[in-house]
Amino acid sequence: MVDRKEIEHLGDLVKVELKEPEKYIKQVEQILNYFDSLDKVDFHSDDILRTEVAAENLRDDVHEPCGDSLIEHLKKDQNNFIRAPKMV
């Protein structure tokens, strides 16, 4: 059972202010129950589950040159470096 104090603690850990922690209790319990269900799954094989694709069925890797017009539209900084948007 998840309680209000645990939800508030999770909010503190992820640096999020939760105005109504009670409304997240049911969601967190559903997530935990789902993980419990996944833990109960019994695999009898160590084989990796994957789909193999033959090399003949893959597309050819072809170089497609890009014009200089893309670079010209980007903001540039000192020494001709490209400035990316700030990460918040």
C-alpha atoms as a PDB file:
ATOM      1  CA  MET A   1       0.000   0.000   0.000  1.00  0.00           C
ATOM      2  CA  VAL A   2       1.364   3.372  -1.005  1.00  0.00           C
ATOM      3  CA  ASP A   3       0.646   6.303   1.292  1.00  0.00           C
ATOM      4  CA  ARG A   4       0.736  10.082   1.017  1.00  0.00           C
ATOM      5  CA  LYS A   5       4.161  10.339   2.668  1.00  0.00           C
ATOM      6  CA  GLU A   6       5.748   8.054   0.038  1.00  0.00           C
ATOM      7  CA  ILE A   7       4.206  10.058  -2.804  1.00  0.00           C
ATOM      8  CA  GLU A   8       5.523  13.288  -1.292  1.00  0.00           C
ATOM      9  CA  HIS A   9       8.956  11.666  -0.959  1.00  0.00           C
ATOM     10  CA  LEU A  10       8.873  10.646  -4.641  1.00  0.00           C
ATOM     11  CA  GLY A  11       7.935  14.221  -5.535  1.00  0.00           C
ATOM     12  CA  ASP A  12      10.898  15.513  -3.544  1.00  0.00           C
ATOM     13  CA  LEU A  13      13.241  13.053  -5.273  1.00  0.00           C
ATOM     14  CA  VAL A  14      12.215  14.184  -8.753  1.00  0.00           C
ATOM     15  CA  LYS A  15      12.043  17.845  -7.682  1.00  0.00           C
ATOM     16  CA  VAL A  16       8.317  18.204  -8.439  1.00  0.00           C
ATOM     17  CA  GLU A  17       5.868  19.981  -6.182  1.00  0.00           C
ATOM     18  CA  LEU A  18       2.730  17.858  -5.843  1.00  0.00           C
ATOM     19  CA  LYS A  19      -0.309  19.867  -4.784  1.00  0.00           C
ATOM     20  CA  GLU A  20      -2.567  16.816  -4.380  1.00  0.00           C
ATOM     21  CA  PRO A  21      -0.404  13.750  -3.618  1.00  0.00           C
ATOM     22  CA  GLU A  22      -3.481  11.622  -2.850  1.00  0.00           C
ATOM     23  CA  LYS A  23      -4.549  11.546  -6.486  1.00  0.00           C
ATOM     24  CA  TYR A  24      -1.288   9.777  -7.449  1.00  0.00           C
ATOM     25  CA  ILE A  25      -1.585   6.966  -4.891  1.00  0.00           C
ATOM     26  CA  LYS A  26      -3.774   4.757  -7.106  1.00  0.00           C
ATOM     27  CA  GLN A  27      -1.570   5.332 -10.166  1.00  0.00           C
ATOM     28  CA  VAL A  28       1.626   4.432  -8.301  1.00  0.00           C
ATOM     29  CA  GLU A  29      -0.041   1.321  -6.859  1.00  0.00           C
ATOM     30  CA  GLN A  30      -1.084   0.248 -10.387  1.00  0.00           C
ATOM     31  CA  ILE A  31       2.485   0.712 -11.615  1.00  0.00           C
ATOM     32  CA  LEU A  32       3.885  -1.317  -8.715  1.00  0.00           C
ATOM     33  CA  ASN A  33       1.304  -4.066  -9.276  1.00  0.00           C
ATOM     34  CA  TYR A  34       2.272  -4.222 -12.939  1.00  0.00           C
ATOM     35  CA  PHE A  35       5.930  -4.662 -12.012  1.00  0.00           C
ATOM     36  CA  ASP A  36       4.913  -7.409  -9.576  1.00  0.00           C
ATOM     37  CA  SER A  37       3.122  -9.154 -12.452  1.00  0.00           C
ATOM     38  CA  LEU A  38       6.231  -8.871 -14.619  1.00  0.00           C
ATOM     39  CA  ASP A  39       8.367 -10.327 -11.829  1.00  0.00           C
ATOM     40  CA  LYS A  40       6.120 -13.411 -11.718  1.00  0.00           C
ATOM     41  CA  VAL A  41       6.629 -14.237 -15.401  1.00  0.00           C
ATOM     42  CA  ASP A  42       8.640 -17.439 -15.671  1.00  0.00           C
ATOM     43  CA  PHE A  43      11.009 -17.779 -18.594  1.00  0.00           C
ATOM     44  CA  HIS A  44      12.353 -21.261 -19.197  1.00  0.00           C
ATOM     45  CA  SER A  45      14.763 -20.196 -21.881  1.00  0.00           C
ATOM     46  CA  ASP A  46      17.848 -18.046 -21.975  1.00  0.00           C
ATOM     47  CA  ASP A  47      17.319 -17.389 -25.685  1.00  0.00           C
ATOM     48  CA  ILE A  48      17.044 -13.775 -26.664  1.00  0.00           C
ATOM     49  CA  LEU A  49      13.724 -12.937 -28.249  1.00  0.00           C
ATOM     50  CA  ARG A  50      14.422 -11.203 -31.539  1.00  0.00           C
ATOM     51  CA  THR A  51      13.457 -11.106 -35.153  1.00  0.00           C
ATOM     52  CA  GLU A  52      16.229 -11.765 -37.593  1.00  0.00           C
ATOM     53  CA  VAL A  53      16.295 -10.052 -40.973  1.00  0.00           C
ATOM     54  CA  ALA A  54      18.443 -11.367 -43.781  1.00  0.00           C
ATOM     55  CA  ALA A  55      21.025  -8.932 -45.159  1.00  0.00           C
ATOM     56  CA  GLU A  56      19.456  -9.253 -48.606  1.00  0.00           C
ATOM     57  CA  ASN A  57      16.241  -7.712 -47.255  1.00  0.00           C
ATOM     58  CA  LEU A  58      17.918  -4.544 -46.001  1.00  0.00           C
ATOM     59  CA  ARG A  59      18.035  -1.375 -48.066  1.00  0.00           C
ATOM     60  CA  ASP A  60      21.298  -0.192 -49.564  1.00  0.00           C
ATOM     61  CA  ASP A  61      23.076   2.443 -47.518  1.00  0.00           C
ATOM     62  CA  VAL A  62      23.317   5.358 -49.910  1.00  0.00           C
ATOM     63  CA  HIS A  63      24.940   8.708 -49.153  1.00  0.00           C
ATOM     64  CA  GLU A  64      22.598  11.590 -49.920  1.00  0.00           C
ATOM     65  CA  PRO A  65      24.432  14.915 -49.735  1.00  0.00           C
ATOM     66  CA  CYS A  66      22.700  17.766 -47.967  1.00  0.00           C
ATOM     67  CA  GLY A  67      22.996  21.273 -49.342  1.00  0.00           C
ATOM     68  CA  ASP A  68      24.689  24.069 -47.422  1.00  0.00           C
ATOM     69  CA  SER A  69      21.348  25.881 -47.073  1.00  0.00           C
ATOM     70  CA  LEU A  70      20.573  24.121 -43.765  1.00  0.00           C
ATOM     71  CA  ILE A  71      23.788  25.345 -42.126  1.00  0.00           C
ATOM     72  CA  GLU A  72      23.225  28.881 -43.408  1.00  0.00           C
ATOM     73  CA  HIS A  73      19.917  29.160 -41.490  1.00  0.00           C
ATOM     74  CA  LEU A  74      21.362  28.158 -38.119  1.00  0.00           C
ATOM     75  CA  LYS A  75      22.454  30.736 -35.559  1.00  0.00           C
ATOM     76  CA  LYS A  76      26.213  30.925 -35.327  1.00  0.00           C
ATOM     77  CA  ASP A  77      28.363  32.071 -32.445  1.00  0.00           C
ATOM     78  CA  GLN A  78      31.998  33.111 -32.140  1.00  0.00           C
ATOM     79  CA  ASN A  79      34.483  31.271 -34.348  1.00  0.00           C
ATOM     80  CA  ASN A  80      31.655  30.060 -36.609  1.00  0.00           C
ATOM     81  CA  PHE A  81      30.327  27.500 -34.071  1.00  0.00           C
ATOM     82  CA  ILE A  82      26.635  26.625 -34.242  1.00  0.00           C
ATOM     83  CA  ARG A  83      24.565  27.608 -31.210  1.00  0.00           C
ATOM     84  CA  ALA A  84      21.969  25.072 -30.058  1.00  0.00           C
ATOM     85  CA  PRO A  85      18.922  25.937 -27.940  1.00  0.00           C
ATOM     86  CA  LYS A  86      19.425  25.904 -24.174  1.00  0.00           C
ATOM     87  CA  MET A  87      18.430  22.748 -22.349  1.00  0.00           C
ATOM     88  CA  VAL A  88      16.084  23.517 -19.489  1.00  0.00           C
END
